[in-house]
Amino acid sequence: MIDLGNITRSVKKAGKNITKRIIVCAGTGCVASGSIKVFESFVIAAKELGINVCVELKEENNETPKTAG
């Protein structure tokens, strides 16, 4: 018989080690539509709420994302 309780505990424990990420587009159209403000809002909200998350701003030309948090 499958022990769902044990599986649940294992998944929750493993999930604590995963870095959460929010990636915000910084392409031309996205920036024109306000993605920079969205990025800044996520960074501020994560800090204020004490949430451990990596917020990234990804440019259209596939360069390395700019990271905050």
PDB file of N, CA and C in Angstrom:
ATOM      1  N   MET A   1       0.839  -1.184   0.000  1.00  0.00           N
ATOM      2  CA  MET A   1       0.000   0.000   0.000  1.00  0.00           C
ATOM      3  C   MET A   1       0.888   1.254   0.000  1.00  0.00           C
ATOM      4  N   ILE A   2       0.479   2.263  -0.714  1.00  0.00           N
ATOM      5  CA  ILE A   2       1.229   3.508  -0.822  1.00  0.00           C
ATOM      6  C   ILE A   2       0.953   4.374   0.411  1.00  0.00           C
ATOM      7  N   ASP A   3       2.028   4.870   1.032  1.00  0.00           N
ATOM      8  CA  ASP A   3       1.908   5.738   2.210  1.00  0.00           C
ATOM      9  C   ASP A   3       1.901   7.197   1.751  1.00  0.00           C
ATOM     10  N   LEU A   4       0.712   7.744   1.516  1.00  0.00           N
ATOM     11  CA  LEU A   4       0.592   9.118   1.021  1.00  0.00           C
ATOM     12  C   LEU A   4       1.118  10.133   2.028  1.00  0.00           C
ATOM     13  N   GLY A   5       0.980   9.872   3.311  1.00  0.00           N
ATOM     14  CA  GLY A   5       1.500  10.774   4.339  1.00  0.00           C
ATOM     15  C   GLY A   5       3.006  10.923   4.237  1.00  0.00           C
ATOM     16  N   ASN A   6       3.701   9.807   4.026  1.00  0.00           N
ATOM     17  CA  ASN A   6       5.156   9.834   3.888  1.00  0.00           C
ATOM     18  C   ASN A   6       5.565  10.580   2.623  1.00  0.00           C
ATOM     19  N   ILE A   7       4.850  10.350   1.536  1.00  0.00           N
ATOM     20  CA  ILE A   7       5.142  11.044   0.272  1.00  0.00           C
ATOM     21  C   ILE A   7       4.924  12.546   0.441  1.00  0.00           C
ATOM     22  N   THR A   8       3.843  12.923   1.096  1.00  0.00           N
ATOM     23  CA  THR A   8       3.543  14.340   1.337  1.00  0.00           C
ATOM     24  C   THR A   8       4.658  15.000   2.137  1.00  0.00           C
ATOM     25  N   ARG A   9       5.096  14.342   3.207  1.00  0.00           N
ATOM     26  CA  ARG A   9       6.185  14.898   4.033  1.00  0.00           C
ATOM     27  C   ARG A   9       7.470  15.045   3.222  1.00  0.00           C
ATOM     28  N   SER A  10       7.777  14.055   2.396  1.00  0.00           N
ATOM     29  CA  SER A  10       8.991  14.105   1.571  1.00  0.00           C
ATOM     30  C   SER A  10       8.949  15.261   0.576  1.00  0.00           C
ATOM     31  N   VAL A  11       7.804  15.445  -0.051  1.00  0.00           N
ATOM     32  CA  VAL A  11       7.660  16.518  -1.041  1.00  0.00           C
ATOM     33  C   VAL A  11       7.767  17.881  -0.364  1.00  0.00           C
ATOM     34  N   LYS A  12       7.121  18.050   0.786  1.00  0.00           N
ATOM     35  CA  LYS A  12       7.187  19.323   1.506  1.00  0.00           C
ATOM     36  C   LYS A  12       8.612  19.624   1.939  1.00  0.00           C
ATOM     37  N   LYS A  13       9.327  18.610   2.414  1.00  0.00           N
ATOM     38  CA  LYS A  13      10.713  18.801   2.846  1.00  0.00           C
ATOM     39  C   LYS A  13      11.593  19.195   1.655  1.00  0.00           C
ATOM     40  N   ALA A  14      11.428  18.521   0.539  1.00  0.00           N
ATOM     41  CA  ALA A  14      12.213  18.829  -0.660  1.00  0.00           C
ATOM     42  C   ALA A  14      11.887  20.216  -1.191  1.00  0.00           C
ATOM     43  N   GLY A  15      10.629  20.633  -1.083  1.00  0.00           N
ATOM     44  CA  GLY A  15      10.205  21.944  -1.574  1.00  0.00           C
ATOM     45  C   GLY A  15      10.844  23.104  -0.841  1.00  0.00           C
ATOM     46  N   LYS A  16      11.245  22.878   0.397  1.00  0.00           N
ATOM     47  CA  LYS A  16      11.892  23.941   1.174  1.00  0.00           C
ATOM     48  C   LYS A  16      13.258  24.309   0.615  1.00  0.00           C
ATOM     49  N   ASN A  17      13.859  23.404  -0.148  1.00  0.00           N
ATOM     50  CA  ASN A  17      15.189  23.645  -0.709  1.00  0.00           C
ATOM     51  C   ASN A  17      15.153  24.239  -2.106  1.00  0.00           C
ATOM     52  N   ILE A  18      13.969  24.448  -2.637  1.00  0.00           N
ATOM     53  CA  ILE A  18      13.840  24.986  -3.992  1.00  0.00           C
ATOM     54  C   ILE A  18      13.787  26.508  -3.931  1.00  0.00           C
ATOM     55  N   THR A  19      14.621  27.158  -4.715  1.00  0.00           N
ATOM     56  CA  THR A  19      14.585  28.610  -4.798  1.00  0.00           C
ATOM     57  C   THR A  19      13.430  29.015  -5.695  1.00  0.00           C
ATOM     58  N   LYS A  20      12.552  29.840  -5.158  1.00  0.00           N
ATOM     59  CA  LYS A  20      11.427  30.321  -5.943  1.00  0.00           C
ATOM     60  C   LYS A  20      11.885  31.508  -6.783  1.00  0.00           C
ATOM     61  N   ARG A  21      11.401  31.575  -8.025  1.00  0.00           N
ATOM     62  CA  ARG A  21      11.794  32.668  -8.915  1.00  0.00           C
ATOM     63  C   ARG A  21      10.572  33.281  -9.565  1.00  0.00           C
ATOM     64  N   ILE A  22      10.663  34.585  -9.757  1.00  0.00           N
ATOM     65  CA  ILE A  22       9.678  35.310 -10.552  1.00  0.00           C
ATOM     66  C   ILE A  22      10.472  35.961 -11.669  1.00  0.00           C
ATOM     67  N   ILE A  23      10.123  35.652 -12.911  1.00  0.00           N
ATOM     68  CA  ILE A  23      10.823  36.222 -14.060  1.00  0.00           C
ATOM     69  C   ILE A  23       9.870  37.183 -14.760  1.00  0.00           C
ATOM     70  N   VAL A  24      10.312  38.431 -14.892  1.00  0.00           N
ATOM     71  CA  VAL A  24       9.503  39.469 -15.522  1.00  0.00           C
ATOM     72  C   VAL A  24      10.155  39.837 -16.853  1.00  0.00           C
ATOM     73  N   CYS A  25       9.371  39.864 -17.893  1.00  0.00           N
ATOM     74  CA  CYS A  25       9.864  40.200 -19.222  1.00  0.00           C
ATOM     75  C   CYS A  25      10.298  41.667 -19.298  1.00  0.00           C
ATOM     76  N   ALA A  26      11.426  41.898 -19.974  1.00  0.00           N
ATOM     77  CA  ALA A  26      11.899  43.255 -20.197  1.00  0.00           C
ATOM     78  C   ALA A  26      12.083  43.511 -21.686  1.00  0.00           C
ATOM     79  N   GLY A  27      11.277  42.835 -22.505  1.00  0.00           N
ATOM     80  CA  GLY A  27      11.296  43.088 -23.940  1.00  0.00           C
ATOM     81  C   GLY A  27      10.667  44.439 -24.232  1.00  0.00           C
ATOM     82  N   THR A  28      10.820  44.918 -25.418  1.00  0.00           N
ATOM     83  CA  THR A  28      10.337  46.238 -25.803  1.00  0.00           C
ATOM     84  C   THR A  28       8.861  46.435 -25.490  1.00  0.00           C
ATOM     85  N   GLY A  29       8.017  45.503 -25.919  1.00  0.00           N
ATOM     86  CA  GLY A  29       6.577  45.623 -25.679  1.00  0.00           C
ATOM     87  C   GLY A  29       6.221  45.528 -24.207  1.00  0.00           C
ATOM     88  N   CYS A  30       6.909  44.648 -23.498  1.00  0.00           N
ATOM     89  CA  CYS A  30       6.638  44.485 -22.063  1.00  0.00           C
ATOM     90  C   CYS A  30       7.022  45.740 -21.279  1.00  0.00           C
ATOM     91  N   VAL A  31       8.166  46.299 -21.600  1.00  0.00           N
ATOM     92  CA  VAL A  31       8.603  47.531 -20.925  1.00  0.00           C
ATOM     93  C   VAL A  31       7.620  48.657 -21.226  1.00  0.00           C
ATOM     94  N   ALA A  32       7.184  48.736 -22.474  1.00  0.00           N
ATOM     95  CA  ALA A  32       6.218  49.771 -22.852  1.00  0.00           C
ATOM     96  C   ALA A  32       4.893  49.599 -22.105  1.00  0.00           C
ATOM     97  N   SER A  33       4.601  48.367 -21.713  1.00  0.00           N
ATOM     98  CA  SER A  33       3.351  48.081 -21.002  1.00  0.00           C
ATOM     99  C   SER A  33       3.499  48.126 -19.482  1.00  0.00           C
ATOM    100  N   GLY A  34       4.700  48.454 -19.006  1.00  0.00           N
ATOM    101  CA  GLY A  34       4.875  48.650 -17.568  1.00  0.00           C
ATOM    102  C   GLY A  34       5.552  47.533 -16.810  1.00  0.00           C
ATOM    103  N   SER A  35       6.294  46.668 -17.481  1.00  0.00           N
ATOM    104  CA  SER A  35       6.911  45.537 -16.788  1.00  0.00           C
ATOM    105  C   SER A  35       7.966  45.956 -15.763  1.00  0.00           C
ATOM    106  N   ILE A  36       8.601  47.098 -15.958  1.00  0.00           N
ATOM    107  CA  ILE A  36       9.603  47.554 -14.982  1.00  0.00           C
ATOM    108  C   ILE A  36       8.926  47.858 -13.645  1.00  0.00           C
ATOM    109  N   LYS A  37       7.751  48.477 -13.694  1.00  0.00           N
ATOM    110  CA  LYS A  37       7.008  48.748 -12.456  1.00  0.00           C
ATOM    111  C   LYS A  37       6.560  47.451 -11.796  1.00  0.00           C
ATOM    112  N   VAL A  38       6.179  46.469 -12.602  1.00  0.00           N
ATOM    113  CA  VAL A  38       5.783  45.168 -12.063  1.00  0.00           C
ATOM    114  C   VAL A  38       6.971  44.529 -11.356  1.00  0.00           C
ATOM    115  N   PHE A  39       8.143  44.549 -12.000  1.00  0.00           N
ATOM    116  CA  PHE A  39       9.377  44.013 -11.424  1.00  0.00           C
ATOM    117  C   PHE A  39       9.674  44.684 -10.087  1.00  0.00           C
ATOM    118  N   GLU A  40       9.657  46.013 -10.079  1.00  0.00           N
ATOM    119  CA  GLU A  40       9.952  46.758  -8.855  1.00  0.00           C
ATOM    120  C   GLU A  40       8.938  46.442  -7.754  1.00  0.00           C
ATOM    121  N   SER A  41       7.682  46.294  -8.124  1.00  0.00           N
ATOM    122  CA  SER A  41       6.634  45.969  -7.147  1.00  0.00           C
ATOM    123  C   SER A  41       6.851  44.588  -6.537  1.00  0.00           C
ATOM    124  N   PHE A  42       7.238  43.618  -7.349  1.00  0.00           N
ATOM    125  CA  PHE A  42       7.528  42.284  -6.820  1.00  0.00           C
ATOM    126  C   PHE A  42       8.696  42.331  -5.837  1.00  0.00           C
ATOM    127  N   VAL A  43       9.752  43.061  -6.188  1.00  0.00           N
ATOM    128  CA  VAL A  43      10.920  43.164  -5.312  1.00  0.00           C
ATOM    129  C   VAL A  43      10.520  43.780  -3.974  1.00  0.00           C
ATOM    130  N   ILE A  44       9.786  44.872  -4.022  1.00  0.00           N
ATOM    131  CA  ILE A  44       9.360  45.556  -2.799  1.00  0.00           C
ATOM    132  C   ILE A  44       8.452  44.660  -1.962  1.00  0.00           C
ATOM    133  N   ALA A  45       7.468  44.035  -2.585  1.00  0.00           N
ATOM    134  CA  ALA A  45       6.522  43.184  -1.862  1.00  0.00           C
ATOM    135  C   ALA A  45       7.231  41.998  -1.212  1.00  0.00           C
ATOM    136  N   ALA A  46       8.158  41.380  -1.924  1.00  0.00           N
ATOM    137  CA  ALA A  46       8.887  40.237  -1.363  1.00  0.00           C
ATOM    138  C   ALA A  46       9.686  40.647  -0.135  1.00  0.00           C
ATOM    139  N   LYS A  47      10.335  41.808  -0.202  1.00  0.00           N
ATOM    140  CA  LYS A  47      11.109  42.281   0.952  1.00  0.00           C
ATOM    141  C   LYS A  47      10.198  42.623   2.120  1.00  0.00           C
ATOM    142  N   GLU A  48       9.105  43.325   1.854  1.00  0.00           N
ATOM    143  CA  GLU A  48       8.180  43.723   2.917  1.00  0.00           C
ATOM    144  C   GLU A  48       7.540  42.518   3.590  1.00  0.00           C
ATOM    145  N   LEU A  49       7.244  41.474   2.820  1.00  0.00           N
ATOM    146  CA  LEU A  49       6.580  40.290   3.365  1.00  0.00           C
ATOM    147  C   LEU A  49       7.563  39.232   3.862  1.00  0.00           C
ATOM    148  N   GLY A  50       8.855  39.479   3.643  1.00  0.00           N
ATOM    149  CA  GLY A  50       9.872  38.530   4.087  1.00  0.00           C
ATOM    150  C   GLY A  50       9.854  37.226   3.306  1.00  0.00           C
ATOM    151  N   ILE A  51       9.466  37.312   2.041  1.00  0.00           N
ATOM    152  CA  ILE A  51       9.404  36.119   1.197  1.00  0.00           C
ATOM    153  C   ILE A  51      10.754  35.930   0.514  1.00  0.00           C
ATOM    154  N   ASN A  52      11.289  34.725   0.628  1.00  0.00           N
ATOM    155  CA  ASN A  52      12.570  34.414   0.007  1.00  0.00           C
ATOM    156  C   ASN A  52      12.324  33.995  -1.441  1.00  0.00           C
ATOM    157  N   VAL A  53      12.469  34.950  -2.348  1.00  0.00           N
ATOM    158  CA  VAL A  53      12.230  34.696  -3.765  1.00  0.00           C
ATOM    159  C   VAL A  53      13.240  35.497  -4.583  1.00  0.00           C
ATOM    160  N   CYS A  54      13.646  34.935  -5.703  1.00  0.00           N
ATOM    161  CA  CYS A  54      14.565  35.612  -6.612  1.00  0.00           C
ATOM    162  C   CYS A  54      13.716  36.241  -7.722  1.00  0.00           C
ATOM    163  N   VAL A  55      13.764  37.556  -7.832  1.00  0.00           N
ATOM    164  CA  VAL A  55      13.002  38.260  -8.866  1.00  0.00           C
ATOM    165  C   VAL A  55      13.973  38.642  -9.972  1.00  0.00           C
ATOM    166  N   GLU A  56      13.673  38.208 -11.189  1.00  0.00           N
ATOM    167  CA  GLU A  56      14.567  38.457 -12.314  1.00  0.00           C
ATOM    168  C   GLU A  56      13.870  39.282 -13.389  1.00  0.00           C
ATOM    169  N   LEU A  57      14.652  40.131 -14.020  1.00  0.00           N
ATOM    170  CA  LEU A  57      14.188  40.929 -15.142  1.00  0.00           C
ATOM    171  C   LEU A  57      14.912  40.403 -16.372  1.00  0.00           C
ATOM    172  N   LYS A  58      14.190  39.740 -17.263  1.00  0.00           N
ATOM    173  CA  LYS A  58      14.812  39.103 -18.421  1.00  0.00           C
ATOM    174  C   LYS A  58      14.622  39.957 -19.661  1.00  0.00           C
ATOM    175  N   GLU A  59      15.751  40.319 -20.259  1.00  0.00           N
ATOM    176  CA  GLU A  59      15.726  41.148 -21.452  1.00  0.00           C
ATOM    177  C   GLU A  59      15.413  40.327 -22.694  1.00  0.00           C
ATOM    178  N   GLU A  60      14.959  41.011 -23.698  1.00  0.00           N
ATOM    179  CA  GLU A  60      14.525  40.387 -24.941  1.00  0.00           C
ATOM    180  C   GLU A  60      15.665  39.682 -25.684  1.00  0.00           C
ATOM    181  N   ASN A  61      16.879  40.151 -25.539  1.00  0.00           N
ATOM    182  CA  ASN A  61      18.005  39.622 -26.311  1.00  0.00           C
ATOM    183  C   ASN A  61      18.650  38.401 -25.670  1.00  0.00           C
ATOM    184  N   ASN A  62      17.967  37.789 -24.687  1.00  0.00           N
ATOM    185  CA  ASN A  62      18.408  36.549 -24.036  1.00  0.00           C
ATOM    186  C   ASN A  62      19.711  36.684 -23.265  1.00  0.00           C
ATOM    187  N   GLU A  63      20.074  37.879 -22.858  1.00  0.00           N
ATOM    188  CA  GLU A  63      21.233  38.047 -22.006  1.00  0.00           C
ATOM    189  C   GLU A  63      20.910  37.501 -20.617  1.00  0.00           C
ATOM    190  N   THR A  64      21.933  37.395 -19.780  1.00  0.00           N
ATOM    191  CA  THR A  64      21.727  36.948 -18.415  1.00  0.00           C
ATOM    192  C   THR A  64      20.751  37.873 -17.718  1.00  0.00           C
ATOM    193  N   PRO A  65      19.749  37.313 -17.027  1.00  0.00           N
ATOM    194  CA  PRO A  65      18.754  38.155 -16.361  1.00  0.00           C
ATOM    195  C   PRO A  65      19.359  39.007 -15.261  1.00  0.00           C
ATOM    196  N   LYS A  66      18.805  40.192 -15.071  1.00  0.00           N
ATOM    197  CA  LYS A  66      19.167  41.031 -13.938  1.00  0.00           C
ATOM    198  C   LYS A  66      18.374  40.505 -12.754  1.00  0.00           C
ATOM    199  N   THR A  67      19.040  40.335 -11.611  1.00  0.00           N
ATOM    200  CA  THR A  67      18.407  39.700 -10.472  1.00  0.00           C
ATOM    201  C   THR A  67      18.333  40.648  -9.299  1.00  0.00           C
ATOM    202  N   ALA A  68      17.240  40.563  -8.562  1.00  0.00           N
ATOM    203  CA  ALA A  68      17.078  41.314  -7.323  1.00  0.00           C
ATOM    204  C   ALA A  68      16.487  40.372  -6.298  1.00  0.00           C
ATOM    205  N   GLY A  69      16.862  40.572  -5.045  1.00  0.00           N
ATOM    206  CA  GLY A  69      16.257  39.780  -3.993  1.00  0.00           C
ATOM    207  C   GLY A  69      17.028  38.580  -3.604  1.00  0.00           C
TER     208      GLY A  69
END
